[in-house]
Each structure stands twice: as C-alpha cells, then as structure tokens.
C-alpha atoms as a PDB file:
ATOM      1  CA  MET A   1      67.836 -14.089 -99.214  1.00  0.00           C
ATOM      2  CA  ASP A   2      64.389 -12.990-100.331  1.00  0.00           C
ATOM      3  CA  HIS A   3      65.388 -13.414-103.967  1.00  0.00           C
ATOM      4  CA  ALA A   4      66.697 -16.901-103.218  1.00  0.00           C
ATOM      5  CA  LYS A   5      63.426 -17.884-101.525  1.00  0.00           C
ATOM      6  CA  GLN A   6      61.439 -16.442-104.418  1.00  0.00           C
ATOM      7  CA  ARG A   7      63.535 -18.426-106.894  1.00  0.00           C
ATOM      8  CA  VAL A   8      63.001 -21.629-104.919  1.00  0.00           C
ATOM      9  CA  ALA A   9      59.258 -20.964-104.737  1.00  0.00           C
ATOM     10  CA  THR A  10      59.147 -20.361-108.481  1.00  0.00           C
ATOM     11  CA  ILE A  11      60.917 -23.642-109.179  1.00  0.00           C
ATOM     12  CA  GLU A  12      58.551 -25.434-106.800  1.00  0.00           C
ATOM     13  CA  TRP A  13      55.547 -24.658-108.995  1.00  0.00           C
ATOM     14  CA  THR A  14      56.936 -24.149-112.504  1.00  0.00           C
ATOM     15  CA  VAL A  15      58.619 -27.557-112.603  1.00  0.00           C
ATOM     16  CA  PRO A  16      55.416 -29.528-111.764  1.00  0.00           C
ATOM     17  CA  LEU A  17      53.517 -27.409-114.294  1.00  0.00           C
ATOM     18  CA  ALA A  18      56.175 -28.054-116.942  1.00  0.00           C
ATOM     19  CA  PHE A  19      56.034 -31.783-116.209  1.00  0.00           C
ATOM     20  CA  ALA A  20      52.234 -31.808-116.451  1.00  0.00           C
ATOM     21  CA  ILE A  21      52.332 -30.063-119.846  1.00  0.00           C
ATOM     22  CA  VAL A  22      55.161 -32.157-121.317  1.00  0.00           C
ATOM     23  CA  PHE A  23      53.803 -35.456-120.023  1.00  0.00           C
ATOM     24  CA  GLY A  24      50.342 -34.425-121.174  1.00  0.00           C
ATOM     25  CA  TRP A  25      51.746 -34.206-124.695  1.00  0.00           C
ATOM     26  CA  VAL A  26      53.211 -37.700-124.278  1.00  0.00           C
ATOM     27  CA  VAL A  27      49.888 -39.091-123.082  1.00  0.00           C
ATOM     28  CA  TRP A  28      47.843 -37.488-125.851  1.00  0.00           C
ATOM     29  CA  HIS A  29      50.276 -38.803-128.482  1.00  0.00           C
ATOM     30  CA  GLY A  30      50.436 -42.233-126.877  1.00  0.00           C
ATOM     31  CA  PRO A  31      49.272 -43.982-130.085  1.00  0.00           C
ATOM     32  CA  ALA A  32      52.405 -42.756-131.872  1.00  0.00           C
ATOM     33  CA  TYR A  33      54.671 -44.648-129.463  1.00  0.00           C
ATOM     34  CA  ILE A  34      52.439 -47.728-129.521  1.00  0.00           C
ATOM     35  CA  LEU A  35      52.489 -47.792-133.314  1.00  0.00           C
ATOM     36  CA  ASP A  36      56.247 -47.169-133.506  1.00  0.00           C
ATOM     37  CA  PHE A  37      57.204 -49.860-130.978  1.00  0.00           C
ATOM     38  CA  GLY A  38      54.249 -52.237-131.159  1.00  0.00           C
ATOM     39  CA  PRO A  39      52.437 -54.267-133.829  1.00  0.00           C
ATOM     40  CA  GLU A  40      50.644 -52.719-136.761  1.00  0.00           C
ATOM     41  CA  ASN A  41      47.145 -51.482-136.046  1.00  0.00           C
ATOM     42  CA  GLY A  42      45.232 -49.826-138.852  1.00  0.00           C
ATOM     43  CA  GLN A  43      42.417 -48.617-136.609  1.00  0.00           C
ATOM     44  CA  LEU A  44      44.859 -47.042-134.155  1.00  0.00           C
ATOM     45  CA  SER A  45      46.864 -45.376-136.928  1.00  0.00           C
ATOM     46  CA  ALA A  46      43.698 -43.843-138.368  1.00  0.00           C
ATOM     47  CA  GLN A  47      42.730 -42.624-134.906  1.00  0.00           C
ATOM     48  CA  PHE A  48      46.142 -41.047-134.372  1.00  0.00           C
ATOM     49  CA  LEU A  49      45.961 -39.211-137.691  1.00  0.00           C
ATOM     50  CA  ARG A  50      42.723 -37.607-136.461  1.00  0.00           C
ATOM     51  CA  THR A  51      44.107 -36.559-133.075  1.00  0.00           C
ATOM     52  CA  ASP A  52      47.699 -35.604-133.926  1.00  0.00           C
ATOM     53  CA  VAL A  53      48.325 -32.093-132.587  1.00  0.00           C
ATOM     54  CA  ALA A  54      51.140 -31.401-135.083  1.00  0.00           C
ATOM     55  CA  PRO A  55      50.246 -33.331-138.243  1.00  0.00           C
ATOM     56  CA  GLY A  56      52.536 -31.192-140.386  1.00  0.00           C
ATOM     57  CA  LEU A  57      55.741 -32.397-138.746  1.00  0.00           C
ATOM     58  CA  PRO A  58      57.472 -35.293-140.510  1.00  0.00           C
ATOM     59  CA  PRO A  59      57.671 -38.528-138.489  1.00  0.00           C
ATOM     60  CA  LEU A  60      61.014 -39.825-137.292  1.00  0.00           C
ATOM     61  CA  PHE A  61      62.384 -43.234-138.234  1.00  0.00           C
ATOM     62  CA  GLY A  62      59.649 -43.639-140.831  1.00  0.00           C
ATOM     63  CA  GLY A  63      57.034 -44.207-138.147  1.00  0.00           C
ATOM     64  CA  PHE A  64      54.371 -42.013-136.537  1.00  0.00           C
ATOM     65  CA  GLY A  65      56.092 -40.035-133.783  1.00  0.00           C
ATOM     66  CA  ASP A  66      57.688 -36.738-134.799  1.00  0.00           C
ATOM     67  CA  ILE A  67      60.551 -34.816-133.221  1.00  0.00           C
ATOM     68  CA  VAL A  68      58.261 -33.058-130.720  1.00  0.00           C
ATOM     69  CA  ASP A  69      56.818 -36.392-129.590  1.00  0.00           C
ATOM     70  CA  TYR A  70      60.213 -37.884-128.875  1.00  0.00           C
ATOM     71  CA  LEU A  71      61.549 -34.681-127.361  1.00  0.00           C
ATOM     72  CA  ALA A  72      58.605 -34.701-124.933  1.00  0.00           C
ATOM     73  CA  LEU A  73      59.235 -38.389-124.221  1.00  0.00           C
ATOM     74  CA  ILE A  74      62.878 -37.650-123.349  1.00  0.00           C
ATOM     75  CA  LEU A  75      62.121 -34.518-121.348  1.00  0.00           C
ATOM     76  CA  SER A  76      59.440 -36.144-119.170  1.00  0.00           C
ATOM     77  CA  PRO A  77      61.809 -38.251-116.994  1.00  0.00           C
ATOM     78  CA  VAL A  78      64.381 -35.420-116.987  1.00  0.00           C
ATOM     79  CA  ILE A  79      61.866 -32.885-115.636  1.00  0.00           C
ATOM     80  CA  PHE A  80      60.527 -35.466-113.188  1.00  0.00           C
ATOM     81  CA  ALA A  81      64.026 -36.157-111.821  1.00  0.00           C
ATOM     82  CA  PHE A  82      64.726 -32.421-111.516  1.00  0.00           C
ATOM     83  CA  GLY A  83      61.413 -31.899-109.737  1.00  0.00           C
ATOM     84  CA  VAL A  84      62.117 -34.720-107.287  1.00  0.00           C
ATOM     85  CA  ALA A  85      65.566 -33.258-106.559  1.00  0.00           C
ATOM     86  CA  THR A  86      64.302 -29.697-105.989  1.00  0.00           C
ATOM     87  CA  VAL A  87      61.028 -30.310-104.144  1.00  0.00           C
ATOM     88  CA  ARG A  88      60.912 -28.675-100.707  1.00  0.00           C
ATOM     89  CA  ARG A  89      58.730 -29.214 -97.666  1.00  0.00           C
ATOM     90  CA  ALA A  90      55.927 -26.693 -97.313  1.00  0.00           C
ATOM     91  CA  GLN A  91      54.242 -25.576 -94.128  1.00  0.00           C
ATOM     92  CA  MET A  92      51.775 -28.060 -92.633  1.00  0.00           C
ATOM     93  CA  GLU A  93      53.448 -30.983 -94.437  1.00  0.00           C
ATOM     94  CA  PHE A  94      54.840 -34.054 -92.716  1.00  0.00           C
ATOM     95  CA  ALA A  95      58.279 -33.156 -91.358  1.00  0.00           C
ATOM     96  CA  ASP A  96      60.238 -36.429 -91.461  1.00  0.00           C
ATOM     97  CA  TRP A  97      61.255 -37.124 -95.041  1.00  0.00           C
ATOM     98  CA  THR A  98      63.439 -39.777 -96.581  1.00  0.00           C
ATOM     99  CA  PRO A  99      64.952 -39.478-100.083  1.00  0.00           C
ATOM    100  CA  LEU A 100      62.344 -41.947-101.327  1.00  0.00           C
ATOM    101  CA  ASP A 101      59.527 -39.659-100.149  1.00  0.00           C
ATOM    102  CA  ARG A 102      60.539 -36.957-102.608  1.00  0.00           C
ATOM    103  CA  ALA A 103      58.938 -38.728-105.574  1.00  0.00           C
ATOM    104  CA  SER A 104      55.570 -38.924-103.800  1.00  0.00           C
ATOM    105  CA  VAL A 105      55.769 -35.283-102.742  1.00  0.00           C
ATOM    106  CA  PHE A 106      56.601 -34.140-106.266  1.00  0.00           C
ATOM    107  CA  ILE A 107      53.693 -36.186-107.626  1.00  0.00           C
ATOM    108  CA  GLY A 108      51.568 -34.370-105.057  1.00  0.00           C
ATOM    109  CA  ARG A 109      52.812 -31.061-106.475  1.00  0.00           C
ATOM    110  CA  VAL A 110      51.843 -32.239-109.961  1.00  0.00           C
ATOM    111  CA  SER A 111      48.342 -33.093-108.738  1.00  0.00           C
ATOM    112  CA  MET A 112      48.064 -29.565-107.301  1.00  0.00           C
ATOM    113  CA  MET A 113      48.943 -28.077-110.690  1.00  0.00           C
ATOM    114  CA  LEU A 114      46.398 -30.363-112.334  1.00  0.00           C
ATOM    115  CA  VAL A 115      43.782 -28.803-110.051  1.00  0.00           C
ATOM    116  CA  VAL A 116      44.810 -25.386-111.398  1.00  0.00           C
ATOM    117  CA  LEU A 117      44.543 -26.640-114.990  1.00  0.00           C
ATOM    118  CA  LEU A 118      41.199 -28.282-114.227  1.00  0.00           C
ATOM    119  CA  SER A 119      39.831 -25.049-112.763  1.00  0.00           C
ATOM    120  CA  SER A 120      41.096 -23.098-115.784  1.00  0.00           C
ATOM    121  CA  VAL A 121      39.338 -25.475-118.180  1.00  0.00           C
ATOM    122  CA  MET A 122      36.066 -25.164-116.262  1.00  0.00           C
ATOM    123  CA  ILE A 123      36.263 -21.361-116.121  1.00  0.00           C
ATOM    124  CA  TYR A 124      37.042 -21.235-119.835  1.00  0.00           C
ATOM    125  CA  GLU A 125      34.031 -23.414-120.607  1.00  0.00           C
ATOM    126  CA  VAL A 126      31.710 -21.337-118.407  1.00  0.00           C
ATOM    127  CA  VAL A 127      32.784 -18.107-120.123  1.00  0.00           C
ATOM    128  CA  LEU A 128      32.353 -19.561-123.598  1.00  0.00           C
ATOM    129  CA  ARG A 129      29.042 -21.216-122.785  1.00  0.00           C
ATOM    130  CA  TYR A 130      27.260 -18.433-120.898  1.00  0.00           C
ATOM    131  CA  VAL A 131      28.947 -15.287-122.199  1.00  0.00           C
ATOM    132  CA  PHE A 132      29.604 -16.098-125.856  1.00  0.00           C
ATOM    133  CA  GLU A 133      27.103 -18.989-126.174  1.00  0.00           C
ATOM    134  CA  ARG A 134      29.727 -21.084-127.934  1.00  0.00           C
ATOM    135  CA  PRO A 135      30.417 -24.116-125.703  1.00  0.00           C
ATOM    136  CA  THR A 136      33.269 -26.473-126.489  1.00  0.00           C
ATOM    137  CA  ILE A 137      33.019 -30.200-127.191  1.00  0.00           C
ATOM    138  CA  TRP A 138      36.082 -31.043-125.109  1.00  0.00           C
ATOM    139  CA  ALA A 139      35.875 -29.198-121.771  1.00  0.00           C
ATOM    140  CA  ASN A 140      33.569 -31.653-119.981  1.00  0.00           C
ATOM    141  CA  GLU A 141      35.541 -34.782-120.944  1.00  0.00           C
ATOM    142  CA  LEU A 142      38.873 -33.065-120.295  1.00  0.00           C
ATOM    143  CA  SER A 143      37.634 -32.047-116.835  1.00  0.00           C
ATOM    144  CA  LEU A 144      36.655 -35.650-116.081  1.00  0.00           C
ATOM    145  CA  TRP A 145      40.018 -36.859-117.332  1.00  0.00           C
ATOM    146  CA  LEU A 146      42.017 -34.387-115.238  1.00  0.00           C
ATOM    147  CA  ALA A 147      39.838 -35.027-112.183  1.00  0.00           C
ATOM    148  CA  GLY A 148      40.569 -38.749-112.468  1.00  0.00           C
ATOM    149  CA  PHE A 149      44.309 -38.103-112.457  1.00  0.00           C
ATOM    150  CA  VAL A 150      43.980 -35.683-109.525  1.00  0.00           C
ATOM    151  CA  PHE A 151      42.039 -38.254-107.507  1.00  0.00           C
ATOM    152  CA  LEU A 152      44.651 -40.955-108.095  1.00  0.00           C
ATOM    153  CA  LEU A 153      47.779 -38.837-107.644  1.00  0.00           C
ATOM    154  CA  SER A 154      46.493 -37.136-104.500  1.00  0.00           C
ATOM    155  CA  GLY A 155      45.930 -40.558-102.938  1.00  0.00           C
ATOM    156  CA  LEU A 156      49.655 -41.258-103.139  1.00  0.00           C
ATOM    157  CA  TYR A 157      50.429 -37.846-101.656  1.00  0.00           C
ATOM    158  CA  ALA A 158      47.961 -38.474 -98.813  1.00  0.00           C
ATOM    159  CA  MET A 159      49.718 -41.754 -98.012  1.00  0.00           C
ATOM    160  CA  GLN A 160      53.106 -40.038 -97.842  1.00  0.00           C
ATOM    161  CA  GLN A 161      51.688 -37.315 -95.593  1.00  0.00           C
ATOM    162  CA  ARG A 162      49.961 -39.847 -93.288  1.00  0.00           C
ATOM    163  CA  SER A 163      46.801 -37.794 -93.806  1.00  0.00           C
ATOM    164  CA  HIS A 164      44.391 -40.599 -94.654  1.00  0.00           C
ATOM    165  CA  ILE A 165      41.501 -41.227 -92.263  1.00  0.00           C
ATOM    166  CA  ARG A 166      42.468 -43.278 -89.219  1.00  0.00           C
ATOM    167  CA  ILE A 167      40.669 -44.174 -85.983  1.00  0.00           C
ATOM    168  CA  PHE A 168      43.062 -43.767 -83.041  1.00  0.00           C
ATOM    169  CA  LEU A 169      40.863 -44.760 -80.101  1.00  0.00           C
ATOM    170  CA  LEU A 170      42.329 -48.264 -79.722  1.00  0.00           C
ATOM    171  CA  TYR A 171      45.678 -47.383 -81.289  1.00  0.00           C
ATOM    172  CA  ASP A 172      46.543 -44.663 -78.747  1.00  0.00           C
ATOM    173  CA  ALA A 173      45.620 -46.901 -75.820  1.00  0.00           C
ATOM    174  CA  ALA A 174      47.905 -49.719 -77.006  1.00  0.00           C
ATOM    175  CA  PRO A 175      51.539 -50.127 -75.890  1.00  0.00           C
ATOM    176  CA  ARG A 176      54.377 -49.443 -78.308  1.00  0.00           C
ATOM    177  CA  TRP A 177      54.897 -53.050 -79.379  1.00  0.00           C
ATOM    178  CA  LEU A 178      51.205 -53.464 -80.165  1.00  0.00           C
ATOM    179  CA  ARG A 179      51.176 -50.230 -82.174  1.00  0.00           C
ATOM    180  CA  ARG A 180      53.993 -51.598 -84.301  1.00  0.00           C
ATOM    181  CA  THR A 181      51.994 -54.773 -84.760  1.00  0.00           C
ATOM    182  CA  PHE A 182      48.990 -52.746 -85.931  1.00  0.00           C
ATOM    183  CA  ASP A 183      51.211 -50.781 -88.343  1.00  0.00           C
ATOM    184  CA  THR A 184      52.724 -53.960 -89.740  1.00  0.00           C
ATOM    185  CA  ILE A 185      49.350 -55.633 -90.243  1.00  0.00           C
ATOM    186  CA  SER A 186      47.884 -52.591 -92.007  1.00  0.00           C
ATOM    187  CA  THR A 187      50.936 -52.329 -94.278  1.00  0.00           C
ATOM    188  CA  VAL A 188      50.771 -56.026 -95.147  1.00  0.00           C
ATOM    189  CA  LEU A 189      47.072 -55.662 -95.997  1.00  0.00           C
ATOM    190  CA  ILE A 190      47.822 -52.692 -98.268  1.00  0.00           C
ATOM    191  CA  VAL A 191      50.571 -54.634-100.068  1.00  0.00           C
ATOM    192  CA  VAL A 192      48.353 -57.715-100.479  1.00  0.00           C
ATOM    193  CA  PHE A 193      45.524 -55.573-101.847  1.00  0.00           C
ATOM    194  CA  ALA A 194      47.894 -53.872-104.309  1.00  0.00           C
ATOM    195  CA  LEU A 195      49.322 -57.174-105.529  1.00  0.00           C
ATOM    196  CA  SER A 196      45.849 -58.657-105.924  1.00  0.00           C
ATOM    197  CA  LEU A 197      44.576 -55.649-107.847  1.00  0.00           C
ATOM    198  CA  ILE A 198      47.605 -55.618-110.146  1.00  0.00           C
ATOM    199  CA  TYR A 199      47.373 -59.364-110.726  1.00  0.00           C
ATOM    200  CA  GLY A 200      43.678 -59.194-111.535  1.00  0.00           C
ATOM    201  CA  GLY A 201      43.665 -55.965-113.530  1.00  0.00           C
ATOM    202  CA  TYR A 202      46.930 -56.006-115.467  1.00  0.00           C
ATOM    203  CA  GLY A 203      45.563 -57.966-118.422  1.00  0.00           C
ATOM    204  CA  GLU A 204      42.592 -55.669-118.928  1.00  0.00           C
ATOM    205  CA  ALA A 205      44.698 -52.545-118.368  1.00  0.00           C
ATOM    206  CA  ILE A 206      47.336 -53.523-120.921  1.00  0.00           C
ATOM    207  CA  ALA A 207      44.636 -54.505-123.444  1.00  0.00           C
ATOM    208  CA  LYS A 208      42.907 -51.135-123.097  1.00  0.00           C
ATOM    209  CA  PHE A 209      46.263 -49.381-123.343  1.00  0.00           C
ATOM    210  CA  MET A 210      47.484 -51.217-126.447  1.00  0.00           C
ATOM    211  CA  ARG A 211      44.263 -50.560-128.368  1.00  0.00           C
ATOM    212  CA  TRP A 212      44.130 -47.033-126.873  1.00  0.00           C
ATOM    213  CA  GLU A 213      40.511 -47.336-125.797  1.00  0.00           C
ATOM    214  CA  THR A 214      38.700 -44.006-125.865  1.00  0.00           C
ATOM    215  CA  PHE A 215      35.680 -42.508-124.118  1.00  0.00           C
ATOM    216  CA  GLY A 216      33.315 -42.670-127.082  1.00  0.00           C
ATOM    217  CA  THR A 217      32.268 -38.994-127.124  1.00  0.00           C
ATOM    218  CA  ALA A 218      32.728 -36.149-129.592  1.00  0.00           C
ATOM    219  CA  PHE A 219      36.048 -35.210-128.035  1.00  0.00           C
ATOM    220  CA  ASP A 220      36.814 -38.916-127.471  1.00  0.00           C
ATOM    221  CA  PRO A 221      39.742 -38.756-125.006  1.00  0.00           C
ATOM    222  CA  PRO A 222      41.563 -41.993-124.084  1.00  0.00           C
ATOM    223  CA  ILE A 223      40.225 -42.048-120.524  1.00  0.00           C
ATOM    224  CA  PRO A 224      39.881 -45.871-120.244  1.00  0.00           C
ATOM    225  CA  ALA A 225      43.297 -46.476-121.809  1.00  0.00           C
ATOM    226  CA  THR A 226      45.131 -44.101-119.486  1.00  0.00           C
ATOM    227  CA  LEU A 227      43.264 -44.182-116.178  1.00  0.00           C
ATOM    228  CA  LYS A 228      43.031 -47.978-115.956  1.00  0.00           C
ATOM    229  CA  PHE A 229      46.797 -48.259-116.278  1.00  0.00           C
ATOM    230  CA  THR A 230      47.327 -45.307-113.916  1.00  0.00           C
ATOM    231  CA  VAL A 231      45.186 -46.992-111.246  1.00  0.00           C
ATOM    232  CA  LEU A 232      47.531 -49.978-111.157  1.00  0.00           C
ATOM    233  CA  PHE A 233      50.635 -47.781-111.159  1.00  0.00           C
ATOM    234  CA  ILE A 234      49.404 -45.568-108.313  1.00  0.00           C
ATOM    235  CA  VAL A 235      48.223 -48.546-106.243  1.00  0.00           C
ATOM    236  CA  ALA A 236      51.700 -50.047-106.575  1.00  0.00           C
ATOM    237  CA  MET A 237      53.255 -46.713-105.549  1.00  0.00           C
ATOM    238  CA  VAL A 238      50.894 -46.460-102.562  1.00  0.00           C
ATOM    239  CA  ALA A 239      51.971 -49.924-101.411  1.00  0.00           C
ATOM    240  CA  ILE A 240      55.641 -48.966-101.746  1.00  0.00           C
ATOM    241  CA  GLN A 241      54.997 -45.722 -99.872  1.00  0.00           C
ATOM    242  CA  ALA A 242      53.218 -47.645 -97.096  1.00  0.00           C
ATOM    243  CA  VAL A 243      56.295 -49.830 -96.644  1.00  0.00           C
ATOM    244  CA  ILE A 244      58.509 -46.711 -96.607  1.00  0.00           C
ATOM    245  CA  ASN A 245      56.241 -45.146 -93.962  1.00  0.00           C
ATOM    246  CA  LEU A 246      56.445 -48.284 -91.821  1.00  0.00           C
ATOM    247  CA  VAL A 247      60.255 -48.343 -91.924  1.00  0.00           C
ATOM    248  CA  SER A 248      60.591 -44.570 -91.433  1.00  0.00           C
ATOM    249  CA  ASP A 249      58.168 -44.416 -88.485  1.00  0.00           C
ATOM    250  CA  TRP A 250      59.356 -47.593 -86.757  1.00  0.00           C
ATOM    251  CA  ASN A 251      61.621 -45.862 -84.231  1.00  0.00           C
ATOM    252  CA  LEU A 252      59.769 -42.561 -83.958  1.00  0.00           C
ATOM    253  CA  GLU A 253      58.418 -41.515 -80.604  1.00  0.00           C
ATOM    254  CA  PRO A 254      54.762 -42.532 -80.187  1.00  0.00           C
ATOM    255  CA  VAL A 255      52.278 -39.733 -80.761  1.00  0.00           C
ATOM    256  CA  THR A 256      49.083 -39.310 -78.762  1.00  0.00           C
ATOM    257  CA  HIS A 257      46.299 -37.760 -80.797  1.00  0.00           C
ATOM    258  CA  SER A 258      43.803 -35.184 -79.589  1.00  0.00           C
ATOM    259  CA  ALA A 259      41.549 -32.431 -80.888  1.00  0.00           C
ATOM    260  CA  ALA A 260      44.549 -30.068 -80.776  1.00  0.00           C
ATOM    261  CA  ASP A 261      46.030 -31.928 -83.761  1.00  0.00           C
ATOM    262  CA  ASP A 262      43.656 -29.987 -86.002  1.00  0.00           C
ATOM    263  CA  VAL A 263      45.430 -26.746 -85.077  1.00  0.00           C
ATOM    264  CA  ASP A 264      48.636 -26.110 -87.033  1.00  0.00           C
ATOM    265  CA  ALA A 265      51.162 -24.356 -84.790  1.00  0.00           C
ATOM    266  CA  GLU A 266      53.248 -22.972 -87.654  1.00  0.00           C
ATOM    267  CA  GLU A 267      50.245 -21.460 -89.386  1.00  0.00           C
ATOM    268  CA  LEU A 268      49.005 -19.984 -86.107  1.00  0.00           C
ATOM    269  CA  GLU A 269      52.386 -18.332 -85.463  1.00  0.00           C
ATOM    270  CA  MET A 270      52.405 -16.967 -89.012  1.00  0.00           C
ATOM    271  CA  ILE A 271      48.936 -15.447 -88.503  1.00  0.00           C
ATOM    272  CA  ARG A 272      50.075 -13.869 -85.242  1.00  0.00           C
ATOM    273  CA  ALA A 273      53.174 -12.412 -86.885  1.00  0.00           C
ATOM    274  CA  ARG A 274      51.163 -10.911 -89.748  1.00  0.00           C
ATOM    275  CA  ALA A 275      48.598  -9.501 -87.315  1.00  0.00           C
ATOM    276  CA  ALA A 276      51.404  -7.900 -85.311  1.00  0.00           C
ATOM    277  CA  GLU A 277      52.906  -6.365 -88.464  1.00  0.00           C
ATOM    278  CA  ALA A 278      49.510  -4.934 -89.377  1.00  0.00           C
ATOM    279  CA  GLY A 279      49.192  -3.401 -85.909  1.00  0.00           C
ATOM    280  CA  LEU A 280      46.320  -5.641 -84.900  1.00  0.00           C
ATOM    281  CA  GLY A 281      48.092  -7.233 -81.963  1.00  0.00           C
ATOM    282  CA  GLY A 282      50.002 -10.477 -81.705  1.00  0.00           C
ATOM    283  CA  ASP A 283      47.085 -12.692 -80.755  1.00  0.00           C
ATOM    284  CA  PRO A 284      44.403 -13.076 -83.448  1.00  0.00           C
ATOM    285  CA  ALA A 285      42.067 -14.620 -80.866  1.00  0.00           C
ATOM    286  CA  ALA A 286      42.161 -11.476 -78.706  1.00  0.00           C
ATOM    287  CA  PRO A 287      39.352  -9.569 -80.514  1.00  0.00           C
ATOM    288  CA  SER A 288      37.079 -12.591 -80.253  1.00  0.00           C
ATOM    289  CA  ALA A 289      37.875 -12.950 -76.533  1.00  0.00           C
ATOM    290  CA  ALA A 290      37.269  -9.266 -75.918  1.00  0.00           C
ATOM    291  CA  LYS A 291      33.990  -9.419 -77.799  1.00  0.00           C
ATOM    292  CA  ALA A 292      32.913 -12.435 -75.809  1.00  0.00           C
ATOM    293  CA  GLY A 293      33.725 -10.646 -72.546  1.00  0.00           C
ATOM    294  CA  LYS A 294      31.781  -7.589 -73.632  1.00  0.00           C
ATOM    295  CA  GLU A 295      28.743  -9.638 -74.545  1.00  0.00           C
ATOM    296  CA  SER A 296      28.839 -11.451 -71.214  1.00  0.00           C
END
C-alpha cells in the first residue's frame, strides 16, 4: 500500500512538471507554428531563426517547425489529459469535486511546479551573480514571465477551491434563498466581466500573438504575446469555474463561518499523530498549556 501511495504521489508531481516543460517548449517555439499555419512574415521568421533551440534539426513539411516541435505539440494535450485523469485531492483542499473540477485542479498543480521552476531560476541567478560574478541575461525576464503565469493560473485554482477573499457578515445572516440569490448575482457579474474583457481585449491579444510581440530586452521573451492571450483564456476559465461552483454548491448544506475555519482539522490530527509517534504526547498544544500554567 505504501508503494502504491508513493507511486500516486510521484505521478501527482511529475506529470505537471512534464506538462510545464513540454508546453514550455511549445510556447517558446510558437513562431514556428504561426509561420507554418499562418501568413508569411519575414520579421517573425528572422526572429525565430535567432531563438530556435534546435536549429540543426530539419523542418517538417518544408516549413519551420521540426520533429521536436510537433512532438511537443502533440504531447501537450496528451499529458494534460493524463494529468487531469490522475489528479488527486490533497489535504486542506476543497472536498466536493465534480469531473469538471479536475482540469482546474491540475492547472493548479502546474502553477505549483512553475513556482518550483521560478525559485530554481532565481537561485541559479543568485549563485552565478554573487559567487561566480557572471550574471545571466535571461534570469530576470524569465522570472517575470513565469511569475505572470503563476499569478494567472493560481487565480483559476483559487476559484475552484473557493479560497478567494469573501466577506460573510451579511451572507451568513441571510436565509438560504437569499444566499442563493447572492451566489447567482456574483456568478452573473463574473461571467459578464469575463465576456466584456474577452470582447474588448481579443483583437489586441490576437494581434500581439500573431506578430509574437516580445519584451524588448536582451533576452527578449514573448511576454506580451503570451500573457495577453493567457489573461483572456484564464478569465474565461474562471467564469466557467464560477458557474460550475454555483451548480455544485446549490444544494449543499449552508455553512456558517467563524474564526475556527482557519484551523484545518486534518492537519491538526496529522500533527497530533506525528507528535504521538515521536513520544511527545498526542496533543501538540499541551506543552504550551503547561508552560502557561507554570508562568501563571
């Protein structure tokens, strides 16, 4: 059983990491797909020749993308589907899932792995800069790029987990029918905002994407081209997730919020069990209580 749990835990984190790496290749080689499927663009082709990670590989179909580019493009949805199918609920996560929630949870796992990659890039840059005095030209922009994706993807995960900031003073005092009215109004407002943002920003986003607008630095990553489009995609996903939350929570028993909500019962029981195994007693609060009694 322990081996089975270890295997599941390994899959939980290796699959999001694999997706982040493979899809990262797809994003970095985005100009190859634009040039192969879109109109001719001499400026974009010259830019791609400068940034191609594997310039020695021959292009397929007489275009720009090589076999690795198209293999990564095919593997990205395959790994994503496998990750959605194998994702499991962790401690402290929202308990009531629907099959549609799995995509948001897996995207949350990907954002967690991006945090690991972001931290690795920053540590690497610090070591090179202050130990070897040989700073890179790409670490700062890559950190900004990854941080932008983390910010956007974690917003979708927060919506699925119902962990966004809410004020419950009036909500908890309202009857059940009025709570449902509040939930419906807030969901409608989220959907209207998403539709308005997509309607107003789609033209600019697609223009930046098709010309693969870059950041204008020495490293010159395509931050405007990718993040602008990602904003619209994530906002649409957040609106869909809000509708899913409304439907899923419609018949749930009403919850009254208090300060005790900040205490996770599962984590507390786990701490007690570990303390008991270490011979420290089953109640981790006992030493603090004893100390307080002694001081008094």
